[in-house]
Amino acid sequence: WVRLNFDDDEVIESFLRVNEYDLT
């Protein structure tokens, strides 16, 4: 891929959670 298309931080954080990482 040449770029991502994440709209906002909430969606980024949900992607990290499905990868089993919690920024809290």
PDBML (XML) file of the C-alpha atoms, coordinates in Angstrom:
<?xml version="1.0" encoding="UTF-8" ?>
<PDBx:datablock datablockName="MODEL"
   xmlns:PDBx="http://pdbml.pdb.org/schema/pdbx-v50.xsd"
   xmlns:xsi="http://www.w3.org/2001/XMLSchema-instance"
   xsi:schemaLocation="http://pdbml.pdb.org/schema/pdbx-v50.xsd pdbx-v50.xsd">
   <PDBx:atom_siteCategory>
      <PDBx:atom_site id="1">
         <PDBx:B_iso_or_equiv>0.00</PDBx:B_iso_or_equiv>
         <PDBx:Cartn_x>0.000</PDBx:Cartn_x>
         <PDBx:Cartn_y>0.000</PDBx:Cartn_y>
         <PDBx:Cartn_z>0.000</PDBx:Cartn_z>
         <PDBx:auth_asym_id>A</PDBx:auth_asym_id>
         <PDBx:auth_atom_id>CA</PDBx:auth_atom_id>
         <PDBx:auth_comp_id>TRP</PDBx:auth_comp_id>
         <PDBx:auth_seq_id>1</PDBx:auth_seq_id>
         <PDBx:group_PDB>ATOM</PDBx:group_PDB>
         <PDBx:label_alt_id xsi:nil="true" />
         <PDBx:label_asym_id>A</PDBx:label_asym_id>
         <PDBx:label_atom_id>CA</PDBx:label_atom_id>
         <PDBx:label_comp_id>TRP</PDBx:label_comp_id>
         <PDBx:label_entity_id>1</PDBx:label_entity_id>
         <PDBx:label_seq_id>1</PDBx:label_seq_id>
         <PDBx:occupancy>1.00</PDBx:occupancy>
         <PDBx:pdbx_PDB_model_num>1</PDBx:pdbx_PDB_model_num>
         <PDBx:type_symbol>C</PDBx:type_symbol>
      </PDBx:atom_site>
      <PDBx:atom_site id="2">
         <PDBx:B_iso_or_equiv>0.00</PDBx:B_iso_or_equiv>
         <PDBx:Cartn_x>1.045</PDBx:Cartn_x>
         <PDBx:Cartn_y>3.602</PDBx:Cartn_y>
         <PDBx:Cartn_z>-0.618</PDBx:Cartn_z>
         <PDBx:auth_asym_id>A</PDBx:auth_asym_id>
         <PDBx:auth_atom_id>CA</PDBx:auth_atom_id>
         <PDBx:auth_comp_id>VAL</PDBx:auth_comp_id>
         <PDBx:auth_seq_id>2</PDBx:auth_seq_id>
         <PDBx:group_PDB>ATOM</PDBx:group_PDB>
         <PDBx:label_alt_id xsi:nil="true" />
         <PDBx:label_asym_id>A</PDBx:label_asym_id>
         <PDBx:label_atom_id>CA</PDBx:label_atom_id>
         <PDBx:label_comp_id>VAL</PDBx:label_comp_id>
         <PDBx:label_entity_id>1</PDBx:label_entity_id>
         <PDBx:label_seq_id>2</PDBx:label_seq_id>
         <PDBx:occupancy>1.00</PDBx:occupancy>
         <PDBx:pdbx_PDB_model_num>1</PDBx:pdbx_PDB_model_num>
         <PDBx:type_symbol>C</PDBx:type_symbol>
      </PDBx:atom_site>
      <PDBx:atom_site id="3">
         <PDBx:B_iso_or_equiv>0.00</PDBx:B_iso_or_equiv>
         <PDBx:Cartn_x>-1.144</PDBx:Cartn_x>
         <PDBx:Cartn_y>5.268</PDBx:Cartn_y>
         <PDBx:Cartn_z>2.021</PDBx:Cartn_z>
         <PDBx:auth_asym_id>A</PDBx:auth_asym_id>
         <PDBx:auth_atom_id>CA</PDBx:auth_atom_id>
         <PDBx:auth_comp_id>ARG</PDBx:auth_comp_id>
         <PDBx:auth_seq_id>3</PDBx:auth_seq_id>
         <PDBx:group_PDB>ATOM</PDBx:group_PDB>
         <PDBx:label_alt_id xsi:nil="true" />
         <PDBx:label_asym_id>A</PDBx:label_asym_id>
         <PDBx:label_atom_id>CA</PDBx:label_atom_id>
         <PDBx:label_comp_id>ARG</PDBx:label_comp_id>
         <PDBx:label_entity_id>1</PDBx:label_entity_id>
         <PDBx:label_seq_id>3</PDBx:label_seq_id>
         <PDBx:occupancy>1.00</PDBx:occupancy>
         <PDBx:pdbx_PDB_model_num>1</PDBx:pdbx_PDB_model_num>
         <PDBx:type_symbol>C</PDBx:type_symbol>
      </PDBx:atom_site>
      <PDBx:atom_site id="4">
         <PDBx:B_iso_or_equiv>0.00</PDBx:B_iso_or_equiv>
         <PDBx:Cartn_x>-3.743</PDBx:Cartn_x>
         <PDBx:Cartn_y>4.674</PDBx:Cartn_y>
         <PDBx:Cartn_z>4.713</PDBx:Cartn_z>
         <PDBx:auth_asym_id>A</PDBx:auth_asym_id>
         <PDBx:auth_atom_id>CA</PDBx:auth_atom_id>
         <PDBx:auth_comp_id>LEU</PDBx:auth_comp_id>
         <PDBx:auth_seq_id>4</PDBx:auth_seq_id>
         <PDBx:group_PDB>ATOM</PDBx:group_PDB>
         <PDBx:label_alt_id xsi:nil="true" />
         <PDBx:label_asym_id>A</PDBx:label_asym_id>
         <PDBx:label_atom_id>CA</PDBx:label_atom_id>
         <PDBx:label_comp_id>LEU</PDBx:label_comp_id>
         <PDBx:label_entity_id>1</PDBx:label_entity_id>
         <PDBx:label_seq_id>4</PDBx:label_seq_id>
         <PDBx:occupancy>1.00</PDBx:occupancy>
         <PDBx:pdbx_PDB_model_num>1</PDBx:pdbx_PDB_model_num>
         <PDBx:type_symbol>C</PDBx:type_symbol>
      </PDBx:atom_site>
      <PDBx:atom_site id="5">
         <PDBx:B_iso_or_equiv>0.00</PDBx:B_iso_or_equiv>
         <PDBx:Cartn_x>-7.215</PDBx:Cartn_x>
         <PDBx:Cartn_y>6.150</PDBx:Cartn_y>
         <PDBx:Cartn_z>4.989</PDBx:Cartn_z>
         <PDBx:auth_asym_id>A</PDBx:auth_asym_id>
         <PDBx:auth_atom_id>CA</PDBx:auth_atom_id>
         <PDBx:auth_comp_id>ASN</PDBx:auth_comp_id>
         <PDBx:auth_seq_id>5</PDBx:auth_seq_id>
         <PDBx:group_PDB>ATOM</PDBx:group_PDB>
         <PDBx:label_alt_id xsi:nil="true" />
         <PDBx:label_asym_id>A</PDBx:label_asym_id>
         <PDBx:label_atom_id>CA</PDBx:label_atom_id>
         <PDBx:label_comp_id>ASN</PDBx:label_comp_id>
         <PDBx:label_entity_id>1</PDBx:label_entity_id>
         <PDBx:label_seq_id>5</PDBx:label_seq_id>
         <PDBx:occupancy>1.00</PDBx:occupancy>
         <PDBx:pdbx_PDB_model_num>1</PDBx:pdbx_PDB_model_num>
         <PDBx:type_symbol>C</PDBx:type_symbol>
      </PDBx:atom_site>
      <PDBx:atom_site id="6">
         <PDBx:B_iso_or_equiv>0.00</PDBx:B_iso_or_equiv>
         <PDBx:Cartn_x>-8.020</PDBx:Cartn_x>
         <PDBx:Cartn_y>6.411</PDBx:Cartn_y>
         <PDBx:Cartn_z>8.687</PDBx:Cartn_z>
         <PDBx:auth_asym_id>A</PDBx:auth_asym_id>
         <PDBx:auth_atom_id>CA</PDBx:auth_atom_id>
         <PDBx:auth_comp_id>PHE</PDBx:auth_comp_id>
         <PDBx:auth_seq_id>6</PDBx:auth_seq_id>
         <PDBx:group_PDB>ATOM</PDBx:group_PDB>
         <PDBx:label_alt_id xsi:nil="true" />
         <PDBx:label_asym_id>A</PDBx:label_asym_id>
         <PDBx:label_atom_id>CA</PDBx:label_atom_id>
         <PDBx:label_comp_id>PHE</PDBx:label_comp_id>
         <PDBx:label_entity_id>1</PDBx:label_entity_id>
         <PDBx:label_seq_id>6</PDBx:label_seq_id>
         <PDBx:occupancy>1.00</PDBx:occupancy>
         <PDBx:pdbx_PDB_model_num>1</PDBx:pdbx_PDB_model_num>
         <PDBx:type_symbol>C</PDBx:type_symbol>
      </PDBx:atom_site>
      <PDBx:atom_site id="7">
         <PDBx:B_iso_or_equiv>0.00</PDBx:B_iso_or_equiv>
         <PDBx:Cartn_x>-10.515</PDBx:Cartn_x>
         <PDBx:Cartn_y>9.204</PDBx:Cartn_y>
         <PDBx:Cartn_z>9.331</PDBx:Cartn_z>
         <PDBx:auth_asym_id>A</PDBx:auth_asym_id>
         <PDBx:auth_atom_id>CA</PDBx:auth_atom_id>
         <PDBx:auth_comp_id>ASP</PDBx:auth_comp_id>
         <PDBx:auth_seq_id>7</PDBx:auth_seq_id>
         <PDBx:group_PDB>ATOM</PDBx:group_PDB>
         <PDBx:label_alt_id xsi:nil="true" />
         <PDBx:label_asym_id>A</PDBx:label_asym_id>
         <PDBx:label_atom_id>CA</PDBx:label_atom_id>
         <PDBx:label_comp_id>ASP</PDBx:label_comp_id>
         <PDBx:label_entity_id>1</PDBx:label_entity_id>
         <PDBx:label_seq_id>7</PDBx:label_seq_id>
         <PDBx:occupancy>1.00</PDBx:occupancy>
         <PDBx:pdbx_PDB_model_num>1</PDBx:pdbx_PDB_model_num>
         <PDBx:type_symbol>C</PDBx:type_symbol>
      </PDBx:atom_site>
      <PDBx:atom_site id="8">
         <PDBx:B_iso_or_equiv>0.00</PDBx:B_iso_or_equiv>
         <PDBx:Cartn_x>-9.854</PDBx:Cartn_x>
         <PDBx:Cartn_y>10.062</PDBx:Cartn_y>
         <PDBx:Cartn_z>12.995</PDBx:Cartn_z>
         <PDBx:auth_asym_id>A</PDBx:auth_asym_id>
         <PDBx:auth_atom_id>CA</PDBx:auth_atom_id>
         <PDBx:auth_comp_id>ASP</PDBx:auth_comp_id>
         <PDBx:auth_seq_id>8</PDBx:auth_seq_id>
         <PDBx:group_PDB>ATOM</PDBx:group_PDB>
         <PDBx:label_alt_id xsi:nil="true" />
         <PDBx:label_asym_id>A</PDBx:label_asym_id>
         <PDBx:label_atom_id>CA</PDBx:label_atom_id>
         <PDBx:label_comp_id>ASP</PDBx:label_comp_id>
         <PDBx:label_entity_id>1</PDBx:label_entity_id>
         <PDBx:label_seq_id>8</PDBx:label_seq_id>
         <PDBx:occupancy>1.00</PDBx:occupancy>
         <PDBx:pdbx_PDB_model_num>1</PDBx:pdbx_PDB_model_num>
         <PDBx:type_symbol>C</PDBx:type_symbol>
      </PDBx:atom_site>
      <PDBx:atom_site id="9">
         <PDBx:B_iso_or_equiv>0.00</PDBx:B_iso_or_equiv>
         <PDBx:Cartn_x>-8.123</PDBx:Cartn_x>
         <PDBx:Cartn_y>8.978</PDBx:Cartn_y>
         <PDBx:Cartn_z>16.182</PDBx:Cartn_z>
         <PDBx:auth_asym_id>A</PDBx:auth_asym_id>
         <PDBx:auth_atom_id>CA</PDBx:auth_atom_id>
         <PDBx:auth_comp_id>ASP</PDBx:auth_comp_id>
         <PDBx:auth_seq_id>9</PDBx:auth_seq_id>
         <PDBx:group_PDB>ATOM</PDBx:group_PDB>
         <PDBx:label_alt_id xsi:nil="true" />
         <PDBx:label_asym_id>A</PDBx:label_asym_id>
         <PDBx:label_atom_id>CA</PDBx:label_atom_id>
         <PDBx:label_comp_id>ASP</PDBx:label_comp_id>
         <PDBx:label_entity_id>1</PDBx:label_entity_id>
         <PDBx:label_seq_id>9</PDBx:label_seq_id>
         <PDBx:occupancy>1.00</PDBx:occupancy>
         <PDBx:pdbx_PDB_model_num>1</PDBx:pdbx_PDB_model_num>
         <PDBx:type_symbol>C</PDBx:type_symbol>
      </PDBx:atom_site>
      <PDBx:atom_site id="10">
         <PDBx:B_iso_or_equiv>0.00</PDBx:B_iso_or_equiv>
         <PDBx:Cartn_x>-11.129</PDBx:Cartn_x>
         <PDBx:Cartn_y>6.964</PDBx:Cartn_y>
         <PDBx:Cartn_z>17.367</PDBx:Cartn_z>
         <PDBx:auth_asym_id>A</PDBx:auth_asym_id>
         <PDBx:auth_atom_id>CA</PDBx:auth_atom_id>
         <PDBx:auth_comp_id>GLU</PDBx:auth_comp_id>
         <PDBx:auth_seq_id>10</PDBx:auth_seq_id>
         <PDBx:group_PDB>ATOM</PDBx:group_PDB>
         <PDBx:label_alt_id xsi:nil="true" />
         <PDBx:label_asym_id>A</PDBx:label_asym_id>
         <PDBx:label_atom_id>CA</PDBx:label_atom_id>
         <PDBx:label_comp_id>GLU</PDBx:label_comp_id>
         <PDBx:label_entity_id>1</PDBx:label_entity_id>
         <PDBx:label_seq_id>10</PDBx:label_seq_id>
         <PDBx:occupancy>1.00</PDBx:occupancy>
         <PDBx:pdbx_PDB_model_num>1</PDBx:pdbx_PDB_model_num>
         <PDBx:type_symbol>C</PDBx:type_symbol>
      </PDBx:atom_site>
      <PDBx:atom_site id="11">
         <PDBx:B_iso_or_equiv>0.00</PDBx:B_iso_or_equiv>
         <PDBx:Cartn_x>-10.890</PDBx:Cartn_x>
         <PDBx:Cartn_y>4.696</PDBx:Cartn_y>
         <PDBx:Cartn_z>14.324</PDBx:Cartn_z>
         <PDBx:auth_asym_id>A</PDBx:auth_asym_id>
         <PDBx:auth_atom_id>CA</PDBx:auth_atom_id>
         <PDBx:auth_comp_id>VAL</PDBx:auth_comp_id>
         <PDBx:auth_seq_id>11</PDBx:auth_seq_id>
         <PDBx:group_PDB>ATOM</PDBx:group_PDB>
         <PDBx:label_alt_id xsi:nil="true" />
         <PDBx:label_asym_id>A</PDBx:label_asym_id>
         <PDBx:label_atom_id>CA</PDBx:label_atom_id>
         <PDBx:label_comp_id>VAL</PDBx:label_comp_id>
         <PDBx:label_entity_id>1</PDBx:label_entity_id>
         <PDBx:label_seq_id>11</PDBx:label_seq_id>
         <PDBx:occupancy>1.00</PDBx:occupancy>
         <PDBx:pdbx_PDB_model_num>1</PDBx:pdbx_PDB_model_num>
         <PDBx:type_symbol>C</PDBx:type_symbol>
      </PDBx:atom_site>
      <PDBx:atom_site id="12">
         <PDBx:B_iso_or_equiv>0.00</PDBx:B_iso_or_equiv>
         <PDBx:Cartn_x>-7.105</PDBx:Cartn_x>
         <PDBx:Cartn_y>4.444</PDBx:Cartn_y>
         <PDBx:Cartn_z>14.733</PDBx:Cartn_z>
         <PDBx:auth_asym_id>A</PDBx:auth_asym_id>
         <PDBx:auth_atom_id>CA</PDBx:auth_atom_id>
         <PDBx:auth_comp_id>ILE</PDBx:auth_comp_id>
         <PDBx:auth_seq_id>12</PDBx:auth_seq_id>
         <PDBx:group_PDB>ATOM</PDBx:group_PDB>
         <PDBx:label_alt_id xsi:nil="true" />
         <PDBx:label_asym_id>A</PDBx:label_asym_id>
         <PDBx:label_atom_id>CA</PDBx:label_atom_id>
         <PDBx:label_comp_id>ILE</PDBx:label_comp_id>
         <PDBx:label_entity_id>1</PDBx:label_entity_id>
         <PDBx:label_seq_id>12</PDBx:label_seq_id>
         <PDBx:occupancy>1.00</PDBx:occupancy>
         <PDBx:pdbx_PDB_model_num>1</PDBx:pdbx_PDB_model_num>
         <PDBx:type_symbol>C</PDBx:type_symbol>
      </PDBx:atom_site>
      <PDBx:atom_site id="13">
         <PDBx:B_iso_or_equiv>0.00</PDBx:B_iso_or_equiv>
         <PDBx:Cartn_x>-7.524</PDBx:Cartn_x>
         <PDBx:Cartn_y>3.396</PDBx:Cartn_y>
         <PDBx:Cartn_z>18.357</PDBx:Cartn_z>
         <PDBx:auth_asym_id>A</PDBx:auth_asym_id>
         <PDBx:auth_atom_id>CA</PDBx:auth_atom_id>
         <PDBx:auth_comp_id>GLU</PDBx:auth_comp_id>
         <PDBx:auth_seq_id>13</PDBx:auth_seq_id>
         <PDBx:group_PDB>ATOM</PDBx:group_PDB>
         <PDBx:label_alt_id xsi:nil="true" />
         <PDBx:label_asym_id>A</PDBx:label_asym_id>
         <PDBx:label_atom_id>CA</PDBx:label_atom_id>
         <PDBx:label_comp_id>GLU</PDBx:label_comp_id>
         <PDBx:label_entity_id>1</PDBx:label_entity_id>
         <PDBx:label_seq_id>13</PDBx:label_seq_id>
         <PDBx:occupancy>1.00</PDBx:occupancy>
         <PDBx:pdbx_PDB_model_num>1</PDBx:pdbx_PDB_model_num>
         <PDBx:type_symbol>C</PDBx:type_symbol>
      </PDBx:atom_site>
      <PDBx:atom_site id="14">
         <PDBx:B_iso_or_equiv>0.00</PDBx:B_iso_or_equiv>
         <PDBx:Cartn_x>-10.124</PDBx:Cartn_x>
         <PDBx:Cartn_y>0.774</PDBx:Cartn_y>
         <PDBx:Cartn_z>17.418</PDBx:Cartn_z>
         <PDBx:auth_asym_id>A</PDBx:auth_asym_id>
         <PDBx:auth_atom_id>CA</PDBx:auth_atom_id>
         <PDBx:auth_comp_id>SER</PDBx:auth_comp_id>
         <PDBx:auth_seq_id>14</PDBx:auth_seq_id>
         <PDBx:group_PDB>ATOM</PDBx:group_PDB>
         <PDBx:label_alt_id xsi:nil="true" />
         <PDBx:label_asym_id>A</PDBx:label_asym_id>
         <PDBx:label_atom_id>CA</PDBx:label_atom_id>
         <PDBx:label_comp_id>SER</PDBx:label_comp_id>
         <PDBx:label_entity_id>1</PDBx:label_entity_id>
         <PDBx:label_seq_id>14</PDBx:label_seq_id>
         <PDBx:occupancy>1.00</PDBx:occupancy>
         <PDBx:pdbx_PDB_model_num>1</PDBx:pdbx_PDB_model_num>
         <PDBx:type_symbol>C</PDBx:type_symbol>
      </PDBx:atom_site>
      <PDBx:atom_site id="15">
         <PDBx:B_iso_or_equiv>0.00</PDBx:B_iso_or_equiv>
         <PDBx:Cartn_x>-7.705</PDBx:Cartn_x>
         <PDBx:Cartn_y>-0.657</PDBx:Cartn_y>
         <PDBx:Cartn_z>14.840</PDBx:Cartn_z>
         <PDBx:auth_asym_id>A</PDBx:auth_asym_id>
         <PDBx:auth_atom_id>CA</PDBx:auth_atom_id>
         <PDBx:auth_comp_id>PHE</PDBx:auth_comp_id>
         <PDBx:auth_seq_id>15</PDBx:auth_seq_id>
         <PDBx:group_PDB>ATOM</PDBx:group_PDB>
         <PDBx:label_alt_id xsi:nil="true" />
         <PDBx:label_asym_id>A</PDBx:label_asym_id>
         <PDBx:label_atom_id>CA</PDBx:label_atom_id>
         <PDBx:label_comp_id>PHE</PDBx:label_comp_id>
         <PDBx:label_entity_id>1</PDBx:label_entity_id>
         <PDBx:label_seq_id>15</PDBx:label_seq_id>
         <PDBx:occupancy>1.00</PDBx:occupancy>
         <PDBx:pdbx_PDB_model_num>1</PDBx:pdbx_PDB_model_num>
         <PDBx:type_symbol>C</PDBx:type_symbol>
      </PDBx:atom_site>
      <PDBx:atom_site id="16">
         <PDBx:B_iso_or_equiv>0.00</PDBx:B_iso_or_equiv>
         <PDBx:Cartn_x>-5.036</PDBx:Cartn_x>
         <PDBx:Cartn_y>-0.905</PDBx:Cartn_y>
         <PDBx:Cartn_z>17.537</PDBx:Cartn_z>
         <PDBx:auth_asym_id>A</PDBx:auth_asym_id>
         <PDBx:auth_atom_id>CA</PDBx:auth_atom_id>
         <PDBx:auth_comp_id>LEU</PDBx:auth_comp_id>
         <PDBx:auth_seq_id>16</PDBx:auth_seq_id>
         <PDBx:group_PDB>ATOM</PDBx:group_PDB>
         <PDBx:label_alt_id xsi:nil="true" />
         <PDBx:label_asym_id>A</PDBx:label_asym_id>
         <PDBx:label_atom_id>CA</PDBx:label_atom_id>
         <PDBx:label_comp_id>LEU</PDBx:label_comp_id>
         <PDBx:label_entity_id>1</PDBx:label_entity_id>
         <PDBx:label_seq_id>16</PDBx:label_seq_id>
         <PDBx:occupancy>1.00</PDBx:occupancy>
         <PDBx:pdbx_PDB_model_num>1</PDBx:pdbx_PDB_model_num>
         <PDBx:type_symbol>C</PDBx:type_symbol>
      </PDBx:atom_site>
      <PDBx:atom_site id="17">
         <PDBx:B_iso_or_equiv>0.00</PDBx:B_iso_or_equiv>
         <PDBx:Cartn_x>-7.505</PDBx:Cartn_x>
         <PDBx:Cartn_y>-2.624</PDBx:Cartn_y>
         <PDBx:Cartn_z>19.868</PDBx:Cartn_z>
         <PDBx:auth_asym_id>A</PDBx:auth_asym_id>
         <PDBx:auth_atom_id>CA</PDBx:auth_atom_id>
         <PDBx:auth_comp_id>ARG</PDBx:auth_comp_id>
         <PDBx:auth_seq_id>17</PDBx:auth_seq_id>
         <PDBx:group_PDB>ATOM</PDBx:group_PDB>
         <PDBx:label_alt_id xsi:nil="true" />
         <PDBx:label_asym_id>A</PDBx:label_asym_id>
         <PDBx:label_atom_id>CA</PDBx:label_atom_id>
         <PDBx:label_comp_id>ARG</PDBx:label_comp_id>
         <PDBx:label_entity_id>1</PDBx:label_entity_id>
         <PDBx:label_seq_id>17</PDBx:label_seq_id>
         <PDBx:occupancy>1.00</PDBx:occupancy>
         <PDBx:pdbx_PDB_model_num>1</PDBx:pdbx_PDB_model_num>
         <PDBx:type_symbol>C</PDBx:type_symbol>
      </PDBx:atom_site>
      <PDBx:atom_site id="18">
         <PDBx:B_iso_or_equiv>0.00</PDBx:B_iso_or_equiv>
         <PDBx:Cartn_x>-8.335</PDBx:Cartn_x>
         <PDBx:Cartn_y>-5.288</PDBx:Cartn_y>
         <PDBx:Cartn_z>17.288</PDBx:Cartn_z>
         <PDBx:auth_asym_id>A</PDBx:auth_asym_id>
         <PDBx:auth_atom_id>CA</PDBx:auth_atom_id>
         <PDBx:auth_comp_id>VAL</PDBx:auth_comp_id>
         <PDBx:auth_seq_id>18</PDBx:auth_seq_id>
         <PDBx:group_PDB>ATOM</PDBx:group_PDB>
         <PDBx:label_alt_id xsi:nil="true" />
         <PDBx:label_asym_id>A</PDBx:label_asym_id>
         <PDBx:label_atom_id>CA</PDBx:label_atom_id>
         <PDBx:label_comp_id>VAL</PDBx:label_comp_id>
         <PDBx:label_entity_id>1</PDBx:label_entity_id>
         <PDBx:label_seq_id>18</PDBx:label_seq_id>
         <PDBx:occupancy>1.00</PDBx:occupancy>
         <PDBx:pdbx_PDB_model_num>1</PDBx:pdbx_PDB_model_num>
         <PDBx:type_symbol>C</PDBx:type_symbol>
      </PDBx:atom_site>
      <PDBx:atom_site id="19">
         <PDBx:B_iso_or_equiv>0.00</PDBx:B_iso_or_equiv>
         <PDBx:Cartn_x>-4.567</PDBx:Cartn_x>
         <PDBx:Cartn_y>-5.829</PDBx:Cartn_y>
         <PDBx:Cartn_z>17.153</PDBx:Cartn_z>
         <PDBx:auth_asym_id>A</PDBx:auth_asym_id>
         <PDBx:auth_atom_id>CA</PDBx:auth_atom_id>
         <PDBx:auth_comp_id>ASN</PDBx:auth_comp_id>
         <PDBx:auth_seq_id>19</PDBx:auth_seq_id>
         <PDBx:group_PDB>ATOM</PDBx:group_PDB>
         <PDBx:label_alt_id xsi:nil="true" />
         <PDBx:label_asym_id>A</PDBx:label_asym_id>
         <PDBx:label_atom_id>CA</PDBx:label_atom_id>
         <PDBx:label_comp_id>ASN</PDBx:label_comp_id>
         <PDBx:label_entity_id>1</PDBx:label_entity_id>
         <PDBx:label_seq_id>19</PDBx:label_seq_id>
         <PDBx:occupancy>1.00</PDBx:occupancy>
         <PDBx:pdbx_PDB_model_num>1</PDBx:pdbx_PDB_model_num>
         <PDBx:type_symbol>C</PDBx:type_symbol>
      </PDBx:atom_site>
      <PDBx:atom_site id="20">
         <PDBx:B_iso_or_equiv>0.00</PDBx:B_iso_or_equiv>
         <PDBx:Cartn_x>-4.729</PDBx:Cartn_x>
         <PDBx:Cartn_y>-6.326</PDBx:Cartn_y>
         <PDBx:Cartn_z>20.954</PDBx:Cartn_z>
         <PDBx:auth_asym_id>A</PDBx:auth_asym_id>
         <PDBx:auth_atom_id>CA</PDBx:auth_atom_id>
         <PDBx:auth_comp_id>GLU</PDBx:auth_comp_id>
         <PDBx:auth_seq_id>20</PDBx:auth_seq_id>
         <PDBx:group_PDB>ATOM</PDBx:group_PDB>
         <PDBx:label_alt_id xsi:nil="true" />
         <PDBx:label_asym_id>A</PDBx:label_asym_id>
         <PDBx:label_atom_id>CA</PDBx:label_atom_id>
         <PDBx:label_comp_id>GLU</PDBx:label_comp_id>
         <PDBx:label_entity_id>1</PDBx:label_entity_id>
         <PDBx:label_seq_id>20</PDBx:label_seq_id>
         <PDBx:occupancy>1.00</PDBx:occupancy>
         <PDBx:pdbx_PDB_model_num>1</PDBx:pdbx_PDB_model_num>
         <PDBx:type_symbol>C</PDBx:type_symbol>
      </PDBx:atom_site>
      <PDBx:atom_site id="21">
         <PDBx:B_iso_or_equiv>0.00</PDBx:B_iso_or_equiv>
         <PDBx:Cartn_x>-3.131</PDBx:Cartn_x>
         <PDBx:Cartn_y>-2.989</PDBx:Cartn_y>
         <PDBx:Cartn_z>21.900</PDBx:Cartn_z>
         <PDBx:auth_asym_id>A</PDBx:auth_asym_id>
         <PDBx:auth_atom_id>CA</PDBx:auth_atom_id>
         <PDBx:auth_comp_id>TYR</PDBx:auth_comp_id>
         <PDBx:auth_seq_id>21</PDBx:auth_seq_id>
         <PDBx:group_PDB>ATOM</PDBx:group_PDB>
         <PDBx:label_alt_id xsi:nil="true" />
         <PDBx:label_asym_id>A</PDBx:label_asym_id>
         <PDBx:label_atom_id>CA</PDBx:label_atom_id>
         <PDBx:label_comp_id>TYR</PDBx:label_comp_id>
         <PDBx:label_entity_id>1</PDBx:label_entity_id>
         <PDBx:label_seq_id>21</PDBx:label_seq_id>
         <PDBx:occupancy>1.00</PDBx:occupancy>
         <PDBx:pdbx_PDB_model_num>1</PDBx:pdbx_PDB_model_num>
         <PDBx:type_symbol>C</PDBx:type_symbol>
      </PDBx:atom_site>
      <PDBx:atom_site id="22">
         <PDBx:B_iso_or_equiv>0.00</PDBx:B_iso_or_equiv>
         <PDBx:Cartn_x>-4.813</PDBx:Cartn_x>
         <PDBx:Cartn_y>-0.497</PDBx:Cartn_y>
         <PDBx:Cartn_z>24.208</PDBx:Cartn_z>
         <PDBx:auth_asym_id>A</PDBx:auth_asym_id>
         <PDBx:auth_atom_id>CA</PDBx:auth_atom_id>
         <PDBx:auth_comp_id>ASP</PDBx:auth_comp_id>
         <PDBx:auth_seq_id>22</PDBx:auth_seq_id>
         <PDBx:group_PDB>ATOM</PDBx:group_PDB>
         <PDBx:label_alt_id xsi:nil="true" />
         <PDBx:label_asym_id>A</PDBx:label_asym_id>
         <PDBx:label_atom_id>CA</PDBx:label_atom_id>
         <PDBx:label_comp_id>ASP</PDBx:label_comp_id>
         <PDBx:label_entity_id>1</PDBx:label_entity_id>
         <PDBx:label_seq_id>22</PDBx:label_seq_id>
         <PDBx:occupancy>1.00</PDBx:occupancy>
         <PDBx:pdbx_PDB_model_num>1</PDBx:pdbx_PDB_model_num>
         <PDBx:type_symbol>C</PDBx:type_symbol>
      </PDBx:atom_site>
      <PDBx:atom_site id="23">
         <PDBx:B_iso_or_equiv>0.00</PDBx:B_iso_or_equiv>
         <PDBx:Cartn_x>-3.369</PDBx:Cartn_x>
         <PDBx:Cartn_y>3.020</PDBx:Cartn_y>
         <PDBx:Cartn_z>24.301</PDBx:Cartn_z>
         <PDBx:auth_asym_id>A</PDBx:auth_asym_id>
         <PDBx:auth_atom_id>CA</PDBx:auth_atom_id>
         <PDBx:auth_comp_id>LEU</PDBx:auth_comp_id>
         <PDBx:auth_seq_id>23</PDBx:auth_seq_id>
         <PDBx:group_PDB>ATOM</PDBx:group_PDB>
         <PDBx:label_alt_id xsi:nil="true" />
         <PDBx:label_asym_id>A</PDBx:label_asym_id>
         <PDBx:label_atom_id>CA</PDBx:label_atom_id>
         <PDBx:label_comp_id>LEU</PDBx:label_comp_id>
         <PDBx:label_entity_id>1</PDBx:label_entity_id>
         <PDBx:label_seq_id>23</PDBx:label_seq_id>
         <PDBx:occupancy>1.00</PDBx:occupancy>
         <PDBx:pdbx_PDB_model_num>1</PDBx:pdbx_PDB_model_num>
         <PDBx:type_symbol>C</PDBx:type_symbol>
      </PDBx:atom_site>
      <PDBx:atom_site id="24">
         <PDBx:B_iso_or_equiv>0.00</PDBx:B_iso_or_equiv>
         <PDBx:Cartn_x>-4.822</PDBx:Cartn_x>
         <PDBx:Cartn_y>3.595</PDBx:Cartn_y>
         <PDBx:Cartn_z>27.757</PDBx:Cartn_z>
         <PDBx:auth_asym_id>A</PDBx:auth_asym_id>
         <PDBx:auth_atom_id>CA</PDBx:auth_atom_id>
         <PDBx:auth_comp_id>THR</PDBx:auth_comp_id>
         <PDBx:auth_seq_id>24</PDBx:auth_seq_id>
         <PDBx:group_PDB>ATOM</PDBx:group_PDB>
         <PDBx:label_alt_id xsi:nil="true" />
         <PDBx:label_asym_id>A</PDBx:label_asym_id>
         <PDBx:label_atom_id>CA</PDBx:label_atom_id>
         <PDBx:label_comp_id>THR</PDBx:label_comp_id>
         <PDBx:label_entity_id>1</PDBx:label_entity_id>
         <PDBx:label_seq_id>24</PDBx:label_seq_id>
         <PDBx:occupancy>1.00</PDBx:occupancy>
         <PDBx:pdbx_PDB_model_num>1</PDBx:pdbx_PDB_model_num>
         <PDBx:type_symbol>C</PDBx:type_symbol>
      </PDBx:atom_site>
   </PDBx:atom_siteCategory>
</PDBx:datablock>
